[in-house]
Full PDB file with SEQRES, HELIX, SHEET, SSBOND, CRYST1, ORIGX, SCALE, CONECT and MASTER records, all heavy atoms in Angstrom:
SEQRES   1 A   31  SER GLY HIS ILE ALA GLY VAL VAL ASN PRO PRO GLU SER          
SEQRES   2 A   31  GLY LYS TYR GLN TYR TRP LEU ASN PRO ASP SER PRO ALA          
SEQRES   3 A   31  SER LEU ASP GLU PHE                                          
HELIX    1 AA1 PRO A   11  SER A   13  5                                   3    
CRYST1    1.000    1.000    1.000  90.00  90.00  90.00 P 1           1          
ORIGX1      1.000000  0.000000  0.000000        0.00000                         
ORIGX2      0.000000  1.000000  0.000000        0.00000                         
ORIGX3      0.000000  0.000000  1.000000        0.00000                         
SCALE1      1.000000  0.000000  0.000000        0.00000                         
SCALE2      0.000000  1.000000  0.000000        0.00000                         
SCALE3      0.000000  0.000000  1.000000        0.00000                         
ATOM      1  N   SER A   1     -54.374 101.741 -95.722  1.00  0.00           N  
ATOM      2  CA  SER A   1     -53.898 103.097 -95.982  1.00  0.00           C  
ATOM      3  C   SER A   1     -54.614 103.707 -97.198  1.00  0.00           C  
ATOM      4  O   SER A   1     -55.721 103.283 -97.545  1.00  0.00           O  
ATOM      5  CB  SER A   1     -52.377 103.131 -96.142  1.00  0.00           C  
ATOM      6  OG  SER A   1     -51.909 104.458 -95.986  1.00  0.00           O  
ATOM      7  N   GLY A   2     -53.973 104.728 -97.812  1.00  0.00           N  
ATOM      8  CA  GLY A   2     -54.698 105.575 -98.750  1.00  0.00           C  
ATOM      9  C   GLY A   2     -54.192 105.554-100.176  1.00  0.00           C  
ATOM     10  O   GLY A   2     -53.677 104.544-100.661  1.00  0.00           O  
ATOM     11  N   HIS A   3     -54.306 106.718-100.831  1.00  0.00           N  
ATOM     12  CA  HIS A   3     -54.090 106.835-102.271  1.00  0.00           C  
ATOM     13  C   HIS A   3     -52.638 106.575-102.656  1.00  0.00           C  
ATOM     14  O   HIS A   3     -52.379 106.093-103.761  1.00  0.00           O  
ATOM     15  CB  HIS A   3     -54.497 108.242-102.722  1.00  0.00           C  
ATOM     16  CG  HIS A   3     -54.745 108.374-104.189  1.00  0.00           C  
ATOM     17  ND1 HIS A   3     -55.824 107.791-104.822  1.00  0.00           N  
ATOM     18  CD2 HIS A   3     -54.056 109.021-105.154  1.00  0.00           C  
ATOM     19  CE1 HIS A   3     -55.795 108.082-106.110  1.00  0.00           C  
ATOM     20  NE2 HIS A   3     -54.737 108.827-106.340  1.00  0.00           N  
ATOM     21  N   ILE A   4     -51.710 106.892-101.784  1.00  0.00           N  
ATOM     22  CA  ILE A   4     -50.292 106.697-102.081  1.00  0.00           C  
ATOM     23  C   ILE A   4     -49.727 105.521-101.285  1.00  0.00           C  
ATOM     24  O   ILE A   4     -49.231 104.552-101.858  1.00  0.00           O  
ATOM     25  CB  ILE A   4     -49.487 107.975-101.773  1.00  0.00           C  
ATOM     26  CG1 ILE A   4     -50.050 109.167-102.565  1.00  0.00           C  
ATOM     27  CG2 ILE A   4     -48.014 107.749-102.089  1.00  0.00           C  
ATOM     28  CD1 ILE A   4     -50.027 108.996-104.056  1.00  0.00           C  
ATOM     29  N   ALA A   5     -49.802 105.608 -99.956  1.00  0.00           N  
ATOM     30  CA  ALA A   5     -49.200 104.561 -99.126  1.00  0.00           C  
ATOM     31  C   ALA A   5     -49.872 103.204 -99.332  1.00  0.00           C  
ATOM     32  O   ALA A   5     -49.243 102.161 -99.121  1.00  0.00           O  
ATOM     33  CB  ALA A   5     -49.263 104.954 -97.655  1.00  0.00           C  
ATOM     34  N   GLY A   6     -51.147 103.207 -99.744  1.00  0.00           N  
ATOM     35  CA  GLY A   6     -51.815 101.950-100.027  1.00  0.00           C  
ATOM     36  C   GLY A   6     -51.284 101.267-101.265  1.00  0.00           C  
ATOM     37  O   GLY A   6     -51.373 100.045-101.406  1.00  0.00           O  
ATOM     38  N   VAL A   7     -50.699 102.063-102.177  1.00  0.00           N  
ATOM     39  CA  VAL A   7     -50.086 101.525-103.392  1.00  0.00           C  
ATOM     40  C   VAL A   7     -48.613 101.243-103.154  1.00  0.00           C  
ATOM     41  O   VAL A   7     -48.108 100.151-103.410  1.00  0.00           O  
ATOM     42  CB  VAL A   7     -50.264 102.511-104.572  1.00  0.00           C  
ATOM     43  CG1 VAL A   7     -49.491 102.022-105.798  1.00  0.00           C  
ATOM     44  CG2 VAL A   7     -51.743 102.672-104.920  1.00  0.00           C  
ATOM     45  N   VAL A   8     -47.899 102.254-102.670  1.00  0.00           N  
ATOM     46  CA  VAL A   8     -46.456 102.140-102.482  1.00  0.00           C  
ATOM     47  C   VAL A   8     -46.190 101.540-101.099  1.00  0.00           C  
ATOM     48  O   VAL A   8     -45.900 102.234-100.132  1.00  0.00           O  
ATOM     49  CB  VAL A   8     -45.780 103.514-102.630  1.00  0.00           C  
ATOM     50  CG1 VAL A   8     -44.262 103.367-102.535  1.00  0.00           C  
ATOM     51  CG2 VAL A   8     -46.170 104.163-103.952  1.00  0.00           C  
ATOM     52  N   ASN A   9     -46.293 100.223-101.037  1.00  0.00           N  
ATOM     53  CA  ASN A   9     -46.127  99.499 -99.775  1.00  0.00           C  
ATOM     54  C   ASN A   9     -45.302  98.239-100.026  1.00  0.00           C  
ATOM     55  O   ASN A   9     -45.832  97.143-100.159  1.00  0.00           O  
ATOM     56  CB  ASN A   9     -47.494  99.137 -99.180  1.00  0.00           C  
ATOM     57  CG  ASN A   9     -47.368  98.427 -97.849  1.00  0.00           C  
ATOM     58  OD1 ASN A   9     -46.425  98.658 -97.102  1.00  0.00           O  
ATOM     59  ND2 ASN A   9     -48.316  97.555 -97.548  1.00  0.00           N  
ATOM     60  N   PRO A  10     -43.977  98.380-100.106  1.00  0.00           N  
ATOM     61  CA  PRO A  10     -43.129  97.229-100.426  1.00  0.00           C  
ATOM     62  C   PRO A  10     -43.185  96.163 -99.347  1.00  0.00           C  
ATOM     63  O   PRO A  10     -43.389  96.461 -98.164  1.00  0.00           O  
ATOM     64  CB  PRO A  10     -41.724  97.845-100.518  1.00  0.00           C  
ATOM     65  CG  PRO A  10     -41.806  99.110 -99.729  1.00  0.00           C  
ATOM     66  CD  PRO A  10     -43.206  99.619 -99.903  1.00  0.00           C  
ATOM     67  N   PRO A  11     -43.015  94.908 -99.719  1.00  0.00           N  
ATOM     68  CA  PRO A  11     -43.084  93.812 -98.741  1.00  0.00           C  
ATOM     69  C   PRO A  11     -42.094  93.965 -97.595  1.00  0.00           C  
ATOM     70  O   PRO A  11     -42.396  93.589 -96.451  1.00  0.00           O  
ATOM     71  CB  PRO A  11     -42.771  92.576 -99.584  1.00  0.00           C  
ATOM     72  CG  PRO A  11     -43.147  92.949-100.981  1.00  0.00           C  
ATOM     73  CD  PRO A  11     -42.849  94.409-101.102  1.00  0.00           C  
ATOM     74  N   GLU A  12     -40.915  94.529 -97.871  1.00  0.00           N  
ATOM     75  CA  GLU A  12     -39.890  94.648 -96.839  1.00  0.00           C  
ATOM     76  C   GLU A  12     -40.296  95.595 -95.720  1.00  0.00           C  
ATOM     77  O   GLU A  12     -39.764  95.530 -94.610  1.00  0.00           O  
ATOM     78  CB  GLU A  12     -38.572  95.133 -97.451  1.00  0.00           C  
ATOM     79  CG  GLU A  12     -37.909  94.133 -98.386  1.00  0.00           C  
ATOM     80  CD  GLU A  12     -38.579  94.094 -99.753  1.00  0.00           C  
ATOM     81  OE1 GLU A  12     -39.432  94.976-100.037  1.00  0.00           O  
ATOM     82  OE2 GLU A  12     -38.266  93.173-100.525  1.00  0.00           O  
ATOM     83  N   SER A  13     -41.235  96.494 -95.975  1.00  0.00           N  
ATOM     84  CA  SER A  13     -41.614  97.471 -94.952  1.00  0.00           C  
ATOM     85  C   SER A  13     -42.412  96.838 -93.816  1.00  0.00           C  
ATOM     86  O   SER A  13     -42.412  97.330 -92.691  1.00  0.00           O  
ATOM     87  CB  SER A  13     -42.436  98.601 -95.582  1.00  0.00           C  
ATOM     88  OG  SER A  13     -43.733  98.143 -95.954  1.00  0.00           O  
ATOM     89  N   GLY A  14     -43.119  95.753 -94.129  1.00  0.00           N  
ATOM     90  CA  GLY A  14     -43.936  95.098 -93.109  1.00  0.00           C  
ATOM     91  C   GLY A  14     -45.122  95.926 -92.651  1.00  0.00           C  
ATOM     92  O   GLY A  14     -45.676  95.679 -91.576  1.00  0.00           O  
ATOM     93  N   LYS A  15     -45.542  96.893 -93.451  1.00  0.00           N  
ATOM     94  CA  LYS A  15     -46.615  97.797 -93.044  1.00  0.00           C  
ATOM     95  C   LYS A  15     -47.974  97.349 -93.585  1.00  0.00           C  
ATOM     96  O   LYS A  15     -48.078  96.643 -94.582  1.00  0.00           O  
ATOM     97  CB  LYS A  15     -46.333  99.211 -93.551  1.00  0.00           C  
ATOM     98  CG  LYS A  15     -45.188  99.918 -92.850  1.00  0.00           C  
ATOM     99  CD  LYS A  15     -45.077 101.346 -93.374  1.00  0.00           C  
ATOM    100  CE  LYS A  15     -44.001 102.121 -92.648  1.00  0.00           C  
ATOM    101  NZ  LYS A  15     -43.886 103.506 -93.152  1.00  0.00           N  
ATOM    102  N   TYR A  16     -48.986  97.827 -92.902  1.00  0.00           N  
ATOM    103  CA  TYR A  16     -50.375  97.736 -93.350  1.00  0.00           C  
ATOM    104  C   TYR A  16     -50.830  96.279 -93.547  1.00  0.00           C  
ATOM    105  O   TYR A  16     -50.288  95.347 -92.966  1.00  0.00           O  
ATOM    106  CB  TYR A  16     -50.587  98.575 -94.609  1.00  0.00           C  
ATOM    107  CG  TYR A  16     -50.070  99.980 -94.491  1.00  0.00           C  
ATOM    108  CD1 TYR A  16     -49.148 100.488 -95.410  1.00  0.00           C  
ATOM    109  CD2 TYR A  16     -50.474 100.807 -93.445  1.00  0.00           C  
ATOM    110  CE1 TYR A  16     -48.661 101.782 -95.301  1.00  0.00           C  
ATOM    111  CE2 TYR A  16     -49.997 102.104 -93.322  1.00  0.00           C  
ATOM    112  CZ  TYR A  16     -49.091 102.581 -94.256  1.00  0.00           C  
ATOM    113  OH  TYR A  16     -48.609 103.856 -94.129  1.00  0.00           O  
ATOM    114  N   GLN A  17     -51.825  96.119 -94.412  1.00  0.00           N  
ATOM    115  CA  GLN A  17     -52.426  94.821 -94.666  1.00  0.00           C  
ATOM    116  C   GLN A  17     -53.305  94.936 -95.908  1.00  0.00           C  
ATOM    117  O   GLN A  17     -53.449  96.011 -96.476  1.00  0.00           O  
ATOM    118  CB  GLN A  17     -53.275  94.365 -93.463  1.00  0.00           C  
ATOM    119  CG  GLN A  17     -54.515  95.204 -93.172  1.00  0.00           C  
ATOM    120  CD  GLN A  17     -54.207  96.507 -92.495  1.00  0.00           C  
ATOM    121  OE1 GLN A  17     -54.168  97.524 -93.159  1.00  0.00           O  
ATOM    122  NE2 GLN A  17     -53.992  96.489 -91.182  1.00  0.00           N  
ATOM    123  N   TYR A  18     -53.849  93.814 -96.325  1.00  0.00           N  
ATOM    124  CA  TYR A  18     -54.794  93.855 -97.441  1.00  0.00           C  
ATOM    125  C   TYR A  18     -55.838  92.773 -97.238  1.00  0.00           C  
ATOM    126  O   TYR A  18     -55.654  91.835 -96.454  1.00  0.00           O  
ATOM    127  CB  TYR A  18     -54.082  93.701 -98.789  1.00  0.00           C  
ATOM    128  CG  TYR A  18     -53.406  92.366 -99.019  1.00  0.00           C  
ATOM    129  CD1 TYR A  18     -54.061  91.324 -99.685  1.00  0.00           C  
ATOM    130  CD2 TYR A  18     -52.103  92.134 -98.581  1.00  0.00           C  
ATOM    131  CE1 TYR A  18     -53.442  90.110 -99.906  1.00  0.00           C  
ATOM    132  CE2 TYR A  18     -51.479  90.922 -98.791  1.00  0.00           C  
ATOM    133  CZ  TYR A  18     -52.141  89.911 -99.459  1.00  0.00           C  
ATOM    134  OH  TYR A  18     -51.530  88.697 -99.683  1.00  0.00           O  
ATOM    135  N   TRP A  19     -56.955  92.927 -97.953  1.00  0.00           N  
ATOM    136  CA  TRP A  19     -58.077  92.020 -97.818  1.00  0.00           C  
ATOM    137  C   TRP A  19     -58.471  91.462 -99.185  1.00  0.00           C  
ATOM    138  O   TRP A  19     -58.506  92.192-100.188  1.00  0.00           O  
ATOM    139  CB  TRP A  19     -59.281  92.726 -97.217  1.00  0.00           C  
ATOM    140  CG  TRP A  19     -59.121  93.129 -95.788  1.00  0.00           C  
ATOM    141  CD1 TRP A  19     -59.512  92.440 -94.673  1.00  0.00           C  
ATOM    142  CD2 TRP A  19     -58.518  94.341 -95.299  1.00  0.00           C  
ATOM    143  NE1 TRP A  19     -59.192  93.138 -93.533  1.00  0.00           N  
ATOM    144  CE2 TRP A  19     -58.586  94.307 -93.885  1.00  0.00           C  
ATOM    145  CE3 TRP A  19     -57.932  95.449 -95.911  1.00  0.00           C  
ATOM    146  CZ2 TRP A  19     -58.098  95.342 -93.096  1.00  0.00           C  
ATOM    147  CZ3 TRP A  19     -57.437  96.479 -95.127  1.00  0.00           C  
ATOM    148  CH2 TRP A  19     -57.521  96.418 -93.737  1.00  0.00           C  
ATOM    149  N   LEU A  20     -58.769  90.176 -99.204  1.00  0.00           N  
ATOM    150  CA  LEU A  20     -59.277  89.491-100.398  1.00  0.00           C  
ATOM    151  C   LEU A  20     -60.528  88.719-100.017  1.00  0.00           C  
ATOM    152  O   LEU A  20     -60.671  88.265 -98.879  1.00  0.00           O  
ATOM    153  CB  LEU A  20     -58.236  88.531-100.967  1.00  0.00           C  
ATOM    154  CG  LEU A  20     -56.966  89.142-101.567  1.00  0.00           C  
ATOM    155  CD1 LEU A  20     -55.920  88.062-101.811  1.00  0.00           C  
ATOM    156  CD2 LEU A  20     -57.283  89.882-102.867  1.00  0.00           C  
ATOM    157  N   ASN A  21     -61.414  88.569-100.982  1.00  0.00           N  
ATOM    158  CA  ASN A  21     -62.632  87.788-100.773  1.00  0.00           C  
ATOM    159  C   ASN A  21     -62.769  86.822-101.943  1.00  0.00           C  
ATOM    160  O   ASN A  21     -62.982  87.255-103.085  1.00  0.00           O  
ATOM    161  CB  ASN A  21     -63.854  88.705-100.686  1.00  0.00           C  
ATOM    162  CG  ASN A  21     -65.115  87.963-100.292  1.00  0.00           C  
ATOM    163  OD1 ASN A  21     -65.298  86.804-100.658  1.00  0.00           O  
ATOM    164  ND2 ASN A  21     -65.993  88.628 -99.559  1.00  0.00           N  
ATOM    165  N   PRO A  22     -62.644  85.507-101.713  1.00  0.00           N  
ATOM    166  CA  PRO A  22     -62.663  84.538-102.810  1.00  0.00           C  
ATOM    167  C   PRO A  22     -64.048  84.318-103.415  1.00  0.00           C  
ATOM    168  O   PRO A  22     -64.169  83.682-104.472  1.00  0.00           O  
ATOM    169  CB  PRO A  22     -62.150  83.258-102.153  1.00  0.00           C  
ATOM    170  CG  PRO A  22     -62.551  83.403-100.710  1.00  0.00           C  
ATOM    171  CD  PRO A  22     -62.446  84.859-100.399  1.00  0.00           C  
ATOM    172  N   ASP A  23     -65.075  84.821-102.749  1.00  0.00           N  
ATOM    173  CA  ASP A  23     -66.435  84.631-103.257  1.00  0.00           C  
ATOM    174  C   ASP A  23     -66.756  85.672-104.339  1.00  0.00           C  
ATOM    175  O   ASP A  23     -65.861  86.290-104.884  1.00  0.00           O  
ATOM    176  CB  ASP A  23     -67.428  84.709-102.097  1.00  0.00           C  
ATOM    177  CG  ASP A  23     -67.184  83.624-101.053  1.00  0.00           C  
ATOM    178  OD1 ASP A  23     -66.783  82.512-101.463  1.00  0.00           O  
ATOM    179  OD2 ASP A  23     -67.355  83.901 -99.851  1.00  0.00           O  
ATOM    180  N   SER A  24     -68.007  85.843-104.619  1.00  0.00           N  
ATOM    181  CA  SER A  24     -68.441  86.812-105.637  1.00  0.00           C  
ATOM    182  C   SER A  24     -69.364  87.849-105.006  1.00  0.00           C  
ATOM    183  O   SER A  24     -70.577  87.870-105.263  1.00  0.00           O  
ATOM    184  CB  SER A  24     -69.165  86.084-106.782  1.00  0.00           C  
ATOM    185  OG  SER A  24     -68.322  85.127-107.388  1.00  0.00           O  
ATOM    186  N   PRO A  25     -68.823  88.717-104.182  1.00  0.00           N  
ATOM    187  CA  PRO A  25     -69.664  89.705-103.496  1.00  0.00           C  
ATOM    188  C   PRO A  25     -70.279  90.699-104.481  1.00  0.00           C  
ATOM    189  O   PRO A  25     -69.670  91.049-105.491  1.00  0.00           O  
ATOM    190  CB  PRO A  25     -68.686  90.399-102.548  1.00  0.00           C  
ATOM    191  CG  PRO A  25     -67.341  90.205-103.162  1.00  0.00           C  
ATOM    192  CD  PRO A  25     -67.385  88.879-103.836  1.00  0.00           C  
ATOM    193  N   ALA A  26     -71.472  91.168-104.152  1.00  0.00           N  
ATOM    194  CA  ALA A  26     -72.176  92.093-105.031  1.00  0.00           C  
ATOM    195  C   ALA A  26     -71.936  93.551-104.660  1.00  0.00           C  
ATOM    196  O   ALA A  26     -72.346  94.443-105.403  1.00  0.00           O  
ATOM    197  CB  ALA A  26     -73.680  91.798-104.997  1.00  0.00           C  
ATOM    198  N   SER A  27     -71.303  93.786-103.523  1.00  0.00           N  
ATOM    199  CA  SER A  27     -71.051  95.163-103.088  1.00  0.00           C  
ATOM    200  C   SER A  27     -69.775  95.188-102.265  1.00  0.00           C  
ATOM    201  O   SER A  27     -69.272  94.139-101.821  1.00  0.00           O  
ATOM    202  CB  SER A  27     -72.218  95.684-102.245  1.00  0.00           C  
ATOM    203  OG  SER A  27     -72.290  94.982-101.014  1.00  0.00           O  
ATOM    204  N   LEU A  28     -69.255  96.381-102.045  1.00  0.00           N  
ATOM    205  CA  LEU A  28     -68.061  96.501-101.221  1.00  0.00           C  
ATOM    206  C   LEU A  28     -68.340  96.055 -99.791  1.00  0.00           C  
ATOM    207  O   LEU A  28     -67.489  95.426 -99.150  1.00  0.00           O  
ATOM    208  CB  LEU A  28     -67.549  97.947-101.230  1.00  0.00           C  
ATOM    209  CG  LEU A  28     -66.282  98.195-100.410  1.00  0.00           C  
ATOM    210  CD1 LEU A  28     -65.102  97.387-100.952  1.00  0.00           C  
ATOM    211  CD2 LEU A  28     -65.938  99.685-100.383  1.00  0.00           C  
ATOM    212  N   ASP A  29     -69.537  96.338 -99.296  1.00  0.00           N  
ATOM    213  CA  ASP A  29     -69.888  95.901 -97.943  1.00  0.00           C  
ATOM    214  C   ASP A  29     -69.841  94.381 -97.842  1.00  0.00           C  
ATOM    215  O   ASP A  29     -69.338  93.825 -96.855  1.00  0.00           O  
ATOM    216  CB  ASP A  29     -71.271  96.417 -97.559  1.00  0.00           C  
ATOM    217  CG  ASP A  29     -71.280  97.917 -97.301  1.00  0.00           C  
ATOM    218  OD1 ASP A  29     -70.195  98.481 -97.058  1.00  0.00           O  
ATOM    219  OD2 ASP A  29     -72.369  98.521 -97.361  1.00  0.00           O  
ATOM    220  N   GLU A  30     -70.376  93.692 -98.857  1.00  0.00           N  
ATOM    221  CA  GLU A  30     -70.313  92.234 -98.862  1.00  0.00           C  
ATOM    222  C   GLU A  30     -68.869  91.744 -98.960  1.00  0.00           C  
ATOM    223  O   GLU A  30     -68.487  90.755 -98.325  1.00  0.00           O  
ATOM    224  CB  GLU A  30     -71.129  91.667-100.025  1.00  0.00           C  
ATOM    225  CG  GLU A  30     -72.640  91.769 -99.839  1.00  0.00           C  
ATOM    226  CD  GLU A  30     -73.389  91.031-100.945  1.00  0.00           C  
ATOM    227  OE1 GLU A  30     -72.768  90.162-101.606  1.00  0.00           O  
ATOM    228  OE2 GLU A  30     -74.575  91.341-101.154  1.00  0.00           O  
ATOM    229  N   PHE A  31     -68.082  92.449 -99.776  1.00  0.00           N  
ATOM    230  CA  PHE A  31     -66.674  92.085 -99.906  1.00  0.00           C  
ATOM    231  C   PHE A  31     -65.986  92.164 -98.546  1.00  0.00           C  
ATOM    232  O   PHE A  31     -65.283  91.229 -98.126  1.00  0.00           O  
ATOM    233  CB  PHE A  31     -65.980  93.011-100.898  1.00  0.00           C  
ATOM    234  CG  PHE A  31     -64.489  92.816-100.987  1.00  0.00           C  
ATOM    235  CD1 PHE A  31     -63.945  91.936-101.907  1.00  0.00           C  
ATOM    236  CD2 PHE A  31     -63.618  93.508-100.137  1.00  0.00           C  
ATOM    237  CE1 PHE A  31     -62.576  91.737-101.976  1.00  0.00           C  
ATOM    238  CE2 PHE A  31     -62.251  93.315-100.196  1.00  0.00           C  
ATOM    239  CZ  PHE A  31     -61.732  92.426-101.120  1.00  0.00           C  
TER     240      PHE A  31                                                      
MASTER        0    0    0    1    0    0    0    6  239    1    0    3          
END                                                                             
């Protein structure tokens, strides 16, 4: 989601998702 819903997303809502990358990417595309 975006500027608001991407931040205000409580766990109980069950909405959306998020991404993590444990490596050390040099760009957002690599991430």
